[in-house]
Amino acid sequence: MFVDWPLDQLRDYLPARTEPDDFDAFWAGTLALARAVDTPARFEPVDAGLATVRVYDVTFPGFAGQPVRGWFLLPRDAAGPLPCVVEFLGYGRGRGLPHEWLTWSAAGYAHLVMDTRGQGSVGTLVGETPDPDQAGLPQTPGFMTRGITDPEQYYYRRVFTDGVRAVDAARSHPAVDPERVVVAGISQGGGISIAVSGLVDGLAGVMPDVPFLCHHRRATEISDEMPYGELVTYLRTHRDSVERVFDTLGYFDGVNFATRASAPALFSVALMDAVCPPSTVFAAYNHYAGAAKEIKVWPYNGHEGGAGFQQRAQFRWLRDLLAA
């Protein structure tokens, strides 16, 4: 069933934003700290048993210079420099194995898949990157409330910084055209891509697919599906921390990053999605500052969104975008 407002109301939904006064200074300082570690990204060739793709095991410096893993795939016979898709992963997923990531290289793009620190152990794609900065404070199981009472310690400060540094790593490879880097992801990956779009200049495009990590307060008010349910559970327990939690989340809300983005964007939303409710996606989309933006609406789908149909739309949109 539909889980939110009618589509006409969603298209007009432009909620007031709650943003910390030092939002820009917070992120400028965070990224300066990360970029002060100038260790170059390592791209080590891997024999993955694939005849048409060159595969590299990537390690690059993320938050505070901490090593982050990934895969980098290139069409074997393509002449560079190529446009590159930097992809961020859904909640709980790790970078997996190279043969699980063949779509974008098959379409002719360079492709960097970023591992998500601390994730990759939920029975799907395996992860390899630890999260060494755990605050050790009480949290609801999962990642949403790790360090949530302090923006300096909050988990997604580290993840979003890793995402920015993943773009830096992709741009550093000689096979990549640094002016044609696109960020993309599904669910959590979509939320990371919105954050990165507000923190990195000169992106060629942004493709957030049924994005998570947007308009957190609204999400907790209309859905207790996980992972937003982790926030609900935490606040049900820590009854006196509601405003403190949402103060922290103001530094990490996709709506606030969207207002700082300028790259062309292709969003998607599913109207039966209780995991990332449509109003939270439209809140970010409607605040998105890039003039060239569109959103694909999947009326009868849940959090799976458009799946292969959305990916087909991305192929066409990206081809037209990069040909312009």
C-alpha atoms as a PDB file:
ATOM      1  CA  MET A   1       0.000   0.000   0.000  1.00  0.00           C
ATOM      2  CA  PHE A   2       1.015   3.642  -0.339  1.00  0.00           C
ATOM      3  CA  VAL A   3       2.831   4.704   2.815  1.00  0.00           C
ATOM      4  CA  ASP A   4       2.882   8.490   2.539  1.00  0.00           C
ATOM      5  CA  TRP A   5       1.109  11.474   1.011  1.00  0.00           C
ATOM      6  CA  PRO A   6      -0.353  11.570  -2.527  1.00  0.00           C
ATOM      7  CA  LEU A   7       2.183  12.194  -5.280  1.00  0.00           C
ATOM      8  CA  ASP A   8       0.967  15.739  -6.008  1.00  0.00           C
ATOM      9  CA  GLN A   9       1.547  16.676  -2.368  1.00  0.00           C
ATOM     10  CA  LEU A  10       4.948  15.003  -2.346  1.00  0.00           C
ATOM     11  CA  ARG A  11       6.068  16.937  -5.399  1.00  0.00           C
ATOM     12  CA  ASP A  12       5.363  20.206  -3.551  1.00  0.00           C
ATOM     13  CA  TYR A  13       6.847  19.166  -0.213  1.00  0.00           C
ATOM     14  CA  LEU A  14       9.579  21.619   0.791  1.00  0.00           C
ATOM     15  CA  PRO A  15      10.015  21.349   4.559  1.00  0.00           C
ATOM     16  CA  ALA A  16      11.853  23.920   6.607  1.00  0.00           C
ATOM     17  CA  ARG A  17      15.435  22.831   7.187  1.00  0.00           C
ATOM     18  CA  THR A  18      17.115  22.505  10.560  1.00  0.00           C
ATOM     19  CA  GLU A  19      20.784  23.202  10.112  1.00  0.00           C
ATOM     20  CA  PRO A  20      23.526  23.874  12.677  1.00  0.00           C
ATOM     21  CA  ASP A  21      25.079  27.336  12.439  1.00  0.00           C
ATOM     22  CA  ASP A  22      28.540  25.811  12.034  1.00  0.00           C
ATOM     23  CA  PHE A  23      27.539  23.220   9.419  1.00  0.00           C
ATOM     24  CA  ASP A  24      29.988  24.445   6.777  1.00  0.00           C
ATOM     25  CA  ALA A  25      32.824  24.969   9.256  1.00  0.00           C
ATOM     26  CA  PHE A  26      32.258  21.491  10.701  1.00  0.00           C
ATOM     27  CA  TRP A  27      32.601  19.845   7.318  1.00  0.00           C
ATOM     28  CA  ALA A  28      35.458  22.060   6.136  1.00  0.00           C
ATOM     29  CA  GLY A  29      37.426  21.094   9.223  1.00  0.00           C
ATOM     30  CA  THR A  30      36.562  17.427   8.891  1.00  0.00           C
ATOM     31  CA  LEU A  31      37.680  17.260   5.267  1.00  0.00           C
ATOM     32  CA  ALA A  32      40.826  19.283   5.933  1.00  0.00           C
ATOM     33  CA  LEU A  33      41.763  16.755   8.601  1.00  0.00           C
ATOM     34  CA  ALA A  34      41.226  13.901   6.156  1.00  0.00           C
ATOM     35  CA  ARG A  35      43.089  15.516   3.278  1.00  0.00           C
ATOM     36  CA  ALA A  36      46.029  16.384   5.512  1.00  0.00           C
ATOM     37  CA  VAL A  37      46.946  12.717   5.131  1.00  0.00           C
ATOM     38  CA  ASP A  38      48.256  12.778   1.571  1.00  0.00           C
ATOM     39  CA  THR A  39      49.011   9.066   1.234  1.00  0.00           C
ATOM     40  CA  PRO A  40      48.188   8.182  -2.377  1.00  0.00           C
ATOM     41  CA  ALA A  41      45.482   5.663  -3.147  1.00  0.00           C
ATOM     42  CA  ARG A  42      46.833   2.200  -4.005  1.00  0.00           C
ATOM     43  CA  PHE A  43      45.443   0.298  -6.983  1.00  0.00           C
ATOM     44  CA  GLU A  44      46.754  -3.266  -6.932  1.00  0.00           C
ATOM     45  CA  PRO A  45      45.913  -5.510  -9.928  1.00  0.00           C
ATOM     46  CA  VAL A  46      43.842  -8.591  -9.093  1.00  0.00           C
ATOM     47  CA  ASP A  47      43.292 -11.723 -11.161  1.00  0.00           C
ATOM     48  CA  ALA A  48      39.537 -12.023 -10.672  1.00  0.00           C
ATOM     49  CA  GLY A  49      39.071 -14.524 -13.502  1.00  0.00           C
ATOM     50  CA  LEU A  50      37.351 -11.931 -15.704  1.00  0.00           C
ATOM     51  CA  ALA A  51      38.249 -11.721 -19.383  1.00  0.00           C
ATOM     52  CA  THR A  52      36.719  -8.350 -20.272  1.00  0.00           C
ATOM     53  CA  VAL A  53      37.461  -6.307 -17.139  1.00  0.00           C
ATOM     54  CA  ARG A  54      40.634  -5.187 -15.399  1.00  0.00           C
ATOM     55  CA  VAL A  55      40.213  -5.315 -11.620  1.00  0.00           C
ATOM     56  CA  TYR A  56      42.183  -3.485  -8.934  1.00  0.00           C
ATOM     57  CA  ASP A  57      42.051  -3.887  -5.179  1.00  0.00           C
ATOM     58  CA  VAL A  58      41.895  -0.296  -3.895  1.00  0.00           C
ATOM     59  CA  THR A  59      43.042   1.132  -0.585  1.00  0.00           C
ATOM     60  CA  PHE A  60      42.730   4.873  -0.032  1.00  0.00           C
ATOM     61  CA  PRO A  61      42.952   7.174   3.012  1.00  0.00           C
ATOM     62  CA  GLY A  62      39.501   7.994   4.375  1.00  0.00           C
ATOM     63  CA  PHE A  63      38.440   9.790   7.531  1.00  0.00           C
ATOM     64  CA  ALA A  64      41.539  10.940   9.468  1.00  0.00           C
ATOM     65  CA  GLY A  65      43.652   9.002   6.960  1.00  0.00           C
ATOM     66  CA  GLN A  66      42.246   5.641   8.039  1.00  0.00           C
ATOM     67  CA  PRO A  67      42.498   3.032   5.247  1.00  0.00           C
ATOM     68  CA  VAL A  68      39.334   2.290   3.277  1.00  0.00           C
ATOM     69  CA  ARG A  69      39.052  -0.581   0.830  1.00  0.00           C
ATOM     70  CA  GLY A  70      37.281  -0.810  -2.495  1.00  0.00           C
ATOM     71  CA  TRP A  71      37.299  -2.282  -5.977  1.00  0.00           C
ATOM     72  CA  PHE A  72      38.202  -0.430  -9.153  1.00  0.00           C
ATOM     73  CA  LEU A  73      37.049  -1.941 -12.445  1.00  0.00           C
ATOM     74  CA  LEU A  74      37.968  -0.872 -15.977  1.00  0.00           C
ATOM     75  CA  PRO A  75      36.747  -2.186 -19.339  1.00  0.00           C
ATOM     76  CA  ARG A  76      39.799  -4.133 -20.456  1.00  0.00           C
ATOM     77  CA  ASP A  77      40.204  -2.628 -23.926  1.00  0.00           C
ATOM     78  CA  ALA A  78      38.737   0.840 -23.364  1.00  0.00           C
ATOM     79  CA  ALA A  79      40.894   3.859 -24.138  1.00  0.00           C
ATOM     80  CA  GLY A  80      41.029   6.377 -21.304  1.00  0.00           C
ATOM     81  CA  PRO A  81      40.592   8.659 -19.690  1.00  0.00           C
ATOM     82  CA  LEU A  82      37.092   7.372 -18.959  1.00  0.00           C
ATOM     83  CA  PRO A  83      34.111   8.745 -17.087  1.00  0.00           C
ATOM     84  CA  CYS A  84      33.899   7.058 -13.689  1.00  0.00           C
ATOM     85  CA  VAL A  85      30.996   5.981 -11.492  1.00  0.00           C
ATOM     86  CA  VAL A  86      31.890   6.027  -7.787  1.00  0.00           C
ATOM     87  CA  GLU A  87      29.366   3.791  -6.059  1.00  0.00           C
ATOM     88  CA  PHE A  88      28.356   3.692  -2.401  1.00  0.00           C
ATOM     89  CA  LEU A  89      26.610   0.731  -0.820  1.00  0.00           C
ATOM     90  CA  GLY A  90      23.321  -0.080   0.839  1.00  0.00           C
ATOM     91  CA  TYR A  91      23.035  -0.516   4.593  1.00  0.00           C
ATOM     92  CA  GLY A  92      24.948  -3.516   5.914  1.00  0.00           C
ATOM     93  CA  ARG A  93      26.667  -4.334   2.634  1.00  0.00           C
ATOM     94  CA  GLY A  94      30.390  -4.515   1.993  1.00  0.00           C
ATOM     95  CA  ARG A  95      32.355  -4.344  -1.227  1.00  0.00           C
ATOM     96  CA  GLY A  96      31.800  -8.052  -1.909  1.00  0.00           C
ATOM     97  CA  LEU A  97      33.742  -9.713  -4.736  1.00  0.00           C
ATOM     98  CA  PRO A  98      34.755  -8.130  -8.056  1.00  0.00           C
ATOM     99  CA  HIS A  99      32.466 -10.241 -10.238  1.00  0.00           C
ATOM    100  CA  GLU A 100      29.481  -8.886  -8.288  1.00  0.00           C
ATOM    101  CA  TRP A 101      30.118  -5.413  -9.781  1.00  0.00           C
ATOM    102  CA  LEU A 102      30.243  -5.784 -13.558  1.00  0.00           C
ATOM    103  CA  THR A 103      27.400  -3.505 -14.663  1.00  0.00           C
ATOM    104  CA  TRP A 104      29.134  -0.155 -14.998  1.00  0.00           C
ATOM    105  CA  SER A 105      32.313  -1.478 -16.568  1.00  0.00           C
ATOM    106  CA  ALA A 106      30.137  -3.411 -19.046  1.00  0.00           C
ATOM    107  CA  ALA A 107      28.519  -0.086 -19.923  1.00  0.00           C
ATOM    108  CA  GLY A 108      31.966   1.363 -20.681  1.00  0.00           C
ATOM    109  CA  TYR A 109      32.696   3.292 -17.491  1.00  0.00           C
ATOM    110  CA  ALA A 110      35.440   3.128 -14.930  1.00  0.00           C
ATOM    111  CA  HIS A 111      33.867   2.034 -11.662  1.00  0.00           C
ATOM    112  CA  LEU A 112      35.055   2.503  -8.094  1.00  0.00           C
ATOM    113  CA  VAL A 113      33.074   0.613  -5.425  1.00  0.00           C
ATOM    114  CA  MET A 114      33.683   1.945  -1.905  1.00  0.00           C
ATOM    115  CA  ASP A 115      33.582  -0.477   1.009  1.00  0.00           C
ATOM    116  CA  THR A 116      31.559   0.892   3.951  1.00  0.00           C
ATOM    117  CA  ARG A 117      33.539   0.913   7.184  1.00  0.00           C
ATOM    118  CA  GLY A 118      32.324  -1.563   9.769  1.00  0.00           C
ATOM    119  CA  GLN A 119      29.660  -3.037   7.492  1.00  0.00           C
ATOM    120  CA  GLY A 120      29.521  -6.137   5.329  1.00  0.00           C
ATOM    121  CA  SER A 121      28.499  -8.907   7.731  1.00  0.00           C
ATOM    122  CA  VAL A 122      24.732  -9.266   7.329  1.00  0.00           C
ATOM    123  CA  GLY A 123      24.730 -12.267   5.048  1.00  0.00           C
ATOM    124  CA  THR A 124      25.036 -10.439   1.715  1.00  0.00           C
ATOM    125  CA  LEU A 125      28.139  -8.695   0.370  1.00  0.00           C
ATOM    126  CA  VAL A 126      31.217  -9.096   2.548  1.00  0.00           C
ATOM    127  CA  GLY A 127      33.139  -6.074   3.843  1.00  0.00           C
ATOM    128  CA  GLU A 128      36.840  -5.554   4.541  1.00  0.00           C
ATOM    129  CA  THR A 129      37.120  -2.084   6.156  1.00  0.00           C
ATOM    130  CA  PRO A 130      37.085  -1.724   9.959  1.00  0.00           C
ATOM    131  CA  ASP A 131      35.673   1.266  11.817  1.00  0.00           C
ATOM    132  CA  PRO A 132      38.394   2.012  14.381  1.00  0.00           C
ATOM    133  CA  ASP A 133      36.761   5.148  15.822  1.00  0.00           C
ATOM    134  CA  GLN A 134      33.839   3.622  17.698  1.00  0.00           C
ATOM    135  CA  ALA A 135      32.882   5.975  20.500  1.00  0.00           C
ATOM    136  CA  GLY A 136      32.009   3.148  22.877  1.00  0.00           C
ATOM    137  CA  LEU A 137      28.812   4.903  24.019  1.00  0.00           C
ATOM    138  CA  PRO A 138      25.464   3.086  24.379  1.00  0.00           C
ATOM    139  CA  GLN A 139      23.811   2.485  21.021  1.00  0.00           C
ATOM    140  CA  THR A 140      20.992   0.560  19.431  1.00  0.00           C
ATOM    141  CA  PRO A 141      22.345  -2.425  17.459  1.00  0.00           C
ATOM    142  CA  GLY A 142      23.299  -1.274  13.974  1.00  0.00           C
ATOM    143  CA  PHE A 143      25.101   1.882  12.845  1.00  0.00           C
ATOM    144  CA  MET A 144      22.518   4.665  12.983  1.00  0.00           C
ATOM    145  CA  THR A 145      23.095   5.546  16.652  1.00  0.00           C
ATOM    146  CA  ARG A 146      26.844   4.916  16.908  1.00  0.00           C
ATOM    147  CA  GLY A 147      28.218   8.065  18.566  1.00  0.00           C
ATOM    148  CA  ILE A 148      24.954   9.911  17.968  1.00  0.00           C
ATOM    149  CA  THR A 149      25.170  12.262  20.945  1.00  0.00           C
ATOM    150  CA  ASP A 150      28.236  14.035  19.510  1.00  0.00           C
ATOM    151  CA  PRO A 151      28.628  15.066  15.849  1.00  0.00           C
ATOM    152  CA  GLU A 152      32.407  14.728  16.172  1.00  0.00           C
ATOM    153  CA  GLN A 153      31.975  11.059  17.106  1.00  0.00           C
ATOM    154  CA  TYR A 154      28.979  10.175  14.935  1.00  0.00           C
ATOM    155  CA  TYR A 155      29.488   7.218  12.609  1.00  0.00           C
ATOM    156  CA  TYR A 156      28.354   8.959   9.434  1.00  0.00           C
ATOM    157  CA  ARG A 157      30.930  11.705   9.879  1.00  0.00           C
ATOM    158  CA  ARG A 158      33.484   9.038   9.095  1.00  0.00           C
ATOM    159  CA  VAL A 159      31.465   7.412   6.299  1.00  0.00           C
ATOM    160  CA  PHE A 160      30.659  10.654   4.470  1.00  0.00           C
ATOM    161  CA  THR A 161      34.313  11.671   4.682  1.00  0.00           C
ATOM    162  CA  ASP A 162      35.275   8.292   3.237  1.00  0.00           C
ATOM    163  CA  GLY A 163      32.879   9.014   0.369  1.00  0.00           C
ATOM    164  CA  VAL A 164      34.578  12.327  -0.422  1.00  0.00           C
ATOM    165  CA  ARG A 165      37.981  10.665  -0.337  1.00  0.00           C
ATOM    166  CA  ALA A 166      36.711   7.898  -2.633  1.00  0.00           C
ATOM    167  CA  VAL A 167      36.045  10.578  -5.254  1.00  0.00           C
ATOM    168  CA  ASP A 168      39.547  11.939  -4.662  1.00  0.00           C
ATOM    169  CA  ALA A 169      40.940   8.430  -5.170  1.00  0.00           C
ATOM    170  CA  ALA A 170      39.015   7.891  -8.403  1.00  0.00           C
ATOM    171  CA  ARG A 171      40.163  11.239  -9.768  1.00  0.00           C
ATOM    172  CA  SER A 172      43.767  10.324  -9.023  1.00  0.00           C
ATOM    173  CA  HIS A 173      43.780   7.304 -11.353  1.00  0.00           C
ATOM    174  CA  PRO A 174      45.221   8.024 -14.825  1.00  0.00           C
ATOM    175  CA  ALA A 175      42.435   6.057 -16.528  1.00  0.00           C
ATOM    176  CA  VAL A 176      39.774   8.414 -15.098  1.00  0.00           C
ATOM    177  CA  ASP A 177      38.737  11.780 -16.467  1.00  0.00           C
ATOM    178  CA  PRO A 178      38.507  13.813 -13.225  1.00  0.00           C
ATOM    179  CA  GLU A 179      35.925  16.128 -14.806  1.00  0.00           C
ATOM    180  CA  ARG A 180      33.539  13.240 -15.500  1.00  0.00           C
ATOM    181  CA  VAL A 181      33.082  11.581 -12.120  1.00  0.00           C
ATOM    182  CA  VAL A 182      29.561  10.596 -11.086  1.00  0.00           C
ATOM    183  CA  VAL A 183      28.487   9.400  -7.636  1.00  0.00           C
ATOM    184  CA  ALA A 184      25.722   6.862  -7.179  1.00  0.00           C
ATOM    185  CA  GLY A 185      24.178   4.464  -4.716  1.00  0.00           C
ATOM    186  CA  ILE A 186      21.044   2.731  -3.520  1.00  0.00           C
ATOM    187  CA  SER A 187      19.435   3.415  -0.118  1.00  0.00           C
ATOM    188  CA  GLN A 188      22.328   4.171   2.273  1.00  0.00           C
ATOM    189  CA  GLY A 189      24.486   4.534  -0.840  1.00  0.00           C
ATOM    190  CA  GLY A 190      22.034   7.074  -2.186  1.00  0.00           C
ATOM    191  CA  GLY A 191      22.250   9.034   1.042  1.00  0.00           C
ATOM    192  CA  ILE A 192      26.043   8.990   0.896  1.00  0.00           C
ATOM    193  CA  SER A 193      25.938  10.186  -2.702  1.00  0.00           C
ATOM    194  CA  ILE A 194      23.771  13.180  -1.717  1.00  0.00           C
ATOM    195  CA  ALA A 195      26.173  14.044   1.092  1.00  0.00           C
ATOM    196  CA  VAL A 196      29.159  13.815  -1.245  1.00  0.00           C
ATOM    197  CA  SER A 197      27.352  15.946  -3.831  1.00  0.00           C
ATOM    198  CA  GLY A 198      27.157  18.732  -1.254  1.00  0.00           C
ATOM    199  CA  LEU A 199      30.794  18.388  -0.223  1.00  0.00           C
ATOM    200  CA  VAL A 200      32.658  17.889  -3.521  1.00  0.00           C
ATOM    201  CA  ASP A 201      32.949  20.459  -6.289  1.00  0.00           C
ATOM    202  CA  GLY A 202      32.883  19.630  -9.966  1.00  0.00           C
ATOM    203  CA  LEU A 203      30.991  16.345 -10.007  1.00  0.00           C
ATOM    204  CA  ALA A 204      29.554  15.464 -13.399  1.00  0.00           C
ATOM    205  CA  GLY A 205      26.423  13.870 -11.948  1.00  0.00           C
ATOM    206  CA  VAL A 206      24.665  12.359  -8.936  1.00  0.00           C
ATOM    207  CA  MET A 207      22.355   9.316  -8.954  1.00  0.00           C
ATOM    208  CA  PRO A 208      20.677   8.739  -5.559  1.00  0.00           C
ATOM    209  CA  ASP A 209      18.386   5.697  -5.784  1.00  0.00           C
ATOM    210  CA  VAL A 210      15.640   5.454  -3.083  1.00  0.00           C
ATOM    211  CA  PRO A 211      18.013   7.378  -0.785  1.00  0.00           C
ATOM    212  CA  PHE A 212      18.296   6.856   2.958  1.00  0.00           C
ATOM    213  CA  LEU A 213      19.650   9.392   5.511  1.00  0.00           C
ATOM    214  CA  CYS A 214      17.313  12.231   4.542  1.00  0.00           C
ATOM    215  CA  HIS A 215      14.847  14.189   6.721  1.00  0.00           C
ATOM    216  CA  HIS A 216      15.453  11.941   9.737  1.00  0.00           C
ATOM    217  CA  ARG A 217      12.810  13.403  12.047  1.00  0.00           C
ATOM    218  CA  ARG A 218      10.031  12.941   9.508  1.00  0.00           C
ATOM    219  CA  ALA A 219      11.213   9.370   8.898  1.00  0.00           C
ATOM    220  CA  THR A 220      11.026   8.476  12.586  1.00  0.00           C
ATOM    221  CA  GLU A 221       7.536   9.959  12.845  1.00  0.00           C
ATOM    222  CA  ILE A 222       5.971   7.867  10.092  1.00  0.00           C
ATOM    223  CA  SER A 223       8.026   4.644   9.986  1.00  0.00           C
ATOM    224  CA  ASP A 224       9.588   2.257  12.441  1.00  0.00           C
ATOM    225  CA  GLU A 225      11.110   0.121   9.675  1.00  0.00           C
ATOM    226  CA  MET A 226      14.816  -0.484  10.006  1.00  0.00           C
ATOM    227  CA  PRO A 227      17.245   1.244   9.830  1.00  0.00           C
ATOM    228  CA  TYR A 228      15.275   4.354  10.867  1.00  0.00           C
ATOM    229  CA  GLY A 229      13.767   2.070  13.489  1.00  0.00           C
ATOM    230  CA  GLU A 230      17.138   2.104  15.223  1.00  0.00           C
ATOM    231  CA  LEU A 231      16.623   5.805  15.917  1.00  0.00           C
ATOM    232  CA  VAL A 232      13.103   5.136  17.159  1.00  0.00           C
ATOM    233  CA  THR A 233      14.357   2.417  19.502  1.00  0.00           C
ATOM    234  CA  TYR A 234      17.190   4.594  20.780  1.00  0.00           C
ATOM    235  CA  LEU A 235      14.872   7.516  21.479  1.00  0.00           C
ATOM    236  CA  ARG A 236      12.299   5.231  23.074  1.00  0.00           C
ATOM    237  CA  THR A 237      15.064   4.256  25.501  1.00  0.00           C
ATOM    238  CA  HIS A 238      16.937   7.561  25.868  1.00  0.00           C
ATOM    239  CA  ARG A 239      13.820   9.653  26.422  1.00  0.00           C
ATOM    240  CA  ASP A 240      15.779  12.700  27.494  1.00  0.00           C
ATOM    241  CA  SER A 241      18.032  12.799  24.408  1.00  0.00           C
ATOM    242  CA  VAL A 242      15.547  13.562  21.621  1.00  0.00           C
ATOM    243  CA  GLU A 243      16.693  17.075  20.787  1.00  0.00           C
ATOM    244  CA  ARG A 244      20.339  16.240  21.322  1.00  0.00           C
ATOM    245  CA  VAL A 245      20.041  13.400  18.793  1.00  0.00           C
ATOM    246  CA  PHE A 246      18.346  15.560  16.186  1.00  0.00           C
ATOM    247  CA  ASP A 247      20.883  18.327  16.764  1.00  0.00           C
ATOM    248  CA  THR A 248      23.580  15.832  15.813  1.00  0.00           C
ATOM    249  CA  LEU A 249      21.621  14.582  12.812  1.00  0.00           C
ATOM    250  CA  GLY A 250      21.376  18.137  11.475  1.00  0.00           C
ATOM    251  CA  TYR A 251      25.020  17.825  10.425  1.00  0.00           C
ATOM    252  CA  PHE A 252      24.244  14.648   8.451  1.00  0.00           C
ATOM    253  CA  ASP A 253      20.829  15.226   6.896  1.00  0.00           C
ATOM    254  CA  GLY A 254      20.706  14.782   3.132  1.00  0.00           C
ATOM    255  CA  VAL A 255      18.333  17.740   2.913  1.00  0.00           C
ATOM    256  CA  ASN A 256      21.097  20.064   4.127  1.00  0.00           C
ATOM    257  CA  PHE A 257      23.680  18.612   1.751  1.00  0.00           C
ATOM    258  CA  ALA A 258      21.205  18.845  -1.139  1.00  0.00           C
ATOM    259  CA  THR A 259      21.014  22.626  -0.800  1.00  0.00           C
ATOM    260  CA  ARG A 260      24.779  22.788  -1.410  1.00  0.00           C
ATOM    261  CA  ALA A 261      24.849  20.511  -4.460  1.00  0.00           C
ATOM    262  CA  SER A 262      25.135  21.767  -8.013  1.00  0.00           C
ATOM    263  CA  ALA A 263      25.724  18.717 -10.240  1.00  0.00           C
ATOM    264  CA  PRO A 264      22.949  17.309 -12.431  1.00  0.00           C
ATOM    265  CA  ALA A 265      21.007  14.633 -10.555  1.00  0.00           C
ATOM    266  CA  LEU A 266      18.750  11.669 -11.258  1.00  0.00           C
ATOM    267  CA  PHE A 267      16.855  10.602  -8.129  1.00  0.00           C
ATOM    268  CA  SER A 268      14.416   7.761  -7.668  1.00  0.00           C
ATOM    269  CA  VAL A 269      11.608   7.168  -5.184  1.00  0.00           C
ATOM    270  CA  ALA A 270       9.130   4.336  -4.571  1.00  0.00           C
ATOM    271  CA  LEU A 271       5.680   5.213  -3.259  1.00  0.00           C
ATOM    272  CA  MET A 272       5.264   1.957  -1.303  1.00  0.00           C
ATOM    273  CA  ASP A 273       8.660   2.288   0.378  1.00  0.00           C
ATOM    274  CA  ALA A 274       8.291   2.176   4.170  1.00  0.00           C
ATOM    275  CA  VAL A 275      12.085   1.911   4.650  1.00  0.00           C
ATOM    276  CA  CYS A 276      12.836   5.306   3.059  1.00  0.00           C
ATOM    277  CA  PRO A 277       9.419   6.987   3.019  1.00  0.00           C
ATOM    278  CA  PRO A 278       8.686   9.038  -0.115  1.00  0.00           C
ATOM    279  CA  SER A 279       8.343  12.355   1.731  1.00  0.00           C
ATOM    280  CA  THR A 280      11.913  12.000   3.037  1.00  0.00           C
ATOM    281  CA  VAL A 281      13.199  11.477  -0.501  1.00  0.00           C
ATOM    282  CA  PHE A 282      11.174  14.364  -1.930  1.00  0.00           C
ATOM    283  CA  ALA A 283      12.403  16.594   0.906  1.00  0.00           C
ATOM    284  CA  ALA A 284      15.965  16.096  -0.347  1.00  0.00           C
ATOM    285  CA  TYR A 285      15.003  16.213  -4.026  1.00  0.00           C
ATOM    286  CA  ASN A 286      12.948  19.398  -3.736  1.00  0.00           C
ATOM    287  CA  HIS A 287      15.751  21.121  -1.831  1.00  0.00           C
ATOM    288  CA  TYR A 288      18.387  19.877  -4.267  1.00  0.00           C
ATOM    289  CA  ALA A 289      20.064  23.001  -5.651  1.00  0.00           C
ATOM    290  CA  GLY A 290      21.250  21.635  -8.984  1.00  0.00           C
ATOM    291  CA  ALA A 291      19.115  23.067 -11.767  1.00  0.00           C
ATOM    292  CA  ALA A 292      19.297  19.947 -13.943  1.00  0.00           C
ATOM    293  CA  LYS A 293      17.488  17.372 -11.839  1.00  0.00           C
ATOM    294  CA  GLU A 294      14.785  14.784 -12.302  1.00  0.00           C
ATOM    295  CA  ILE A 295      13.192  12.037 -10.259  1.00  0.00           C
ATOM    296  CA  LYS A 296      11.887   8.653 -11.371  1.00  0.00           C
ATOM    297  CA  VAL A 297       8.769   7.620  -9.461  1.00  0.00           C
ATOM    298  CA  TRP A 298       7.949   3.940  -8.999  1.00  0.00           C
ATOM    299  CA  PRO A 299       4.337   3.919  -7.758  1.00  0.00           C
ATOM    300  CA  TYR A 300       3.878   0.232  -6.928  1.00  0.00           C
ATOM    301  CA  ASN A 301       7.281  -0.606  -5.530  1.00  0.00           C
ATOM    302  CA  GLY A 302       8.753  -0.734  -2.056  1.00  0.00           C
ATOM    303  CA  HIS A 303      12.379  -0.263  -1.119  1.00  0.00           C
ATOM    304  CA  GLU A 304      13.523  -2.292  -4.115  1.00  0.00           C
ATOM    305  CA  GLY A 305      12.514   0.741  -6.151  1.00  0.00           C
ATOM    306  CA  GLY A 306      12.879   0.466  -9.910  1.00  0.00           C
ATOM    307  CA  ALA A 307      15.698  -2.128  -9.711  1.00  0.00           C
ATOM    308  CA  GLY A 308      16.729  -3.007 -13.275  1.00  0.00           C
ATOM    309  CA  PHE A 309      14.309  -0.475 -14.743  1.00  0.00           C
ATOM    310  CA  GLN A 310      15.961   2.303 -12.722  1.00  0.00           C
ATOM    311  CA  GLN A 311      19.367   1.116 -13.828  1.00  0.00           C
ATOM    312  CA  ARG A 312      18.242   1.246 -17.454  1.00  0.00           C
ATOM    313  CA  ALA A 313      17.073   4.816 -16.863  1.00  0.00           C
ATOM    314  CA  GLN A 314      20.480   5.621 -15.358  1.00  0.00           C
ATOM    315  CA  PHE A 315      22.283   4.248 -18.438  1.00  0.00           C
ATOM    316  CA  ARG A 316      20.258   6.510 -20.716  1.00  0.00           C
ATOM    317  CA  TRP A 317      20.476   9.559 -18.470  1.00  0.00           C
ATOM    318  CA  LEU A 318      24.213   9.235 -17.984  1.00  0.00           C
ATOM    319  CA  ARG A 319      24.870   8.641 -21.673  1.00  0.00           C
ATOM    320  CA  ASP A 320      22.963  11.803 -22.575  1.00  0.00           C
ATOM    321  CA  LEU A 321      24.562  13.786 -19.740  1.00  0.00           C
ATOM    322  CA  LEU A 322      28.138  12.923 -20.671  1.00  0.00           C
ATOM    323  CA  ALA A 323      27.525  13.381 -24.372  1.00  0.00           C
ATOM    324  CA  ALA A 324      26.369  16.959 -23.832  1.00  0.00           C
END
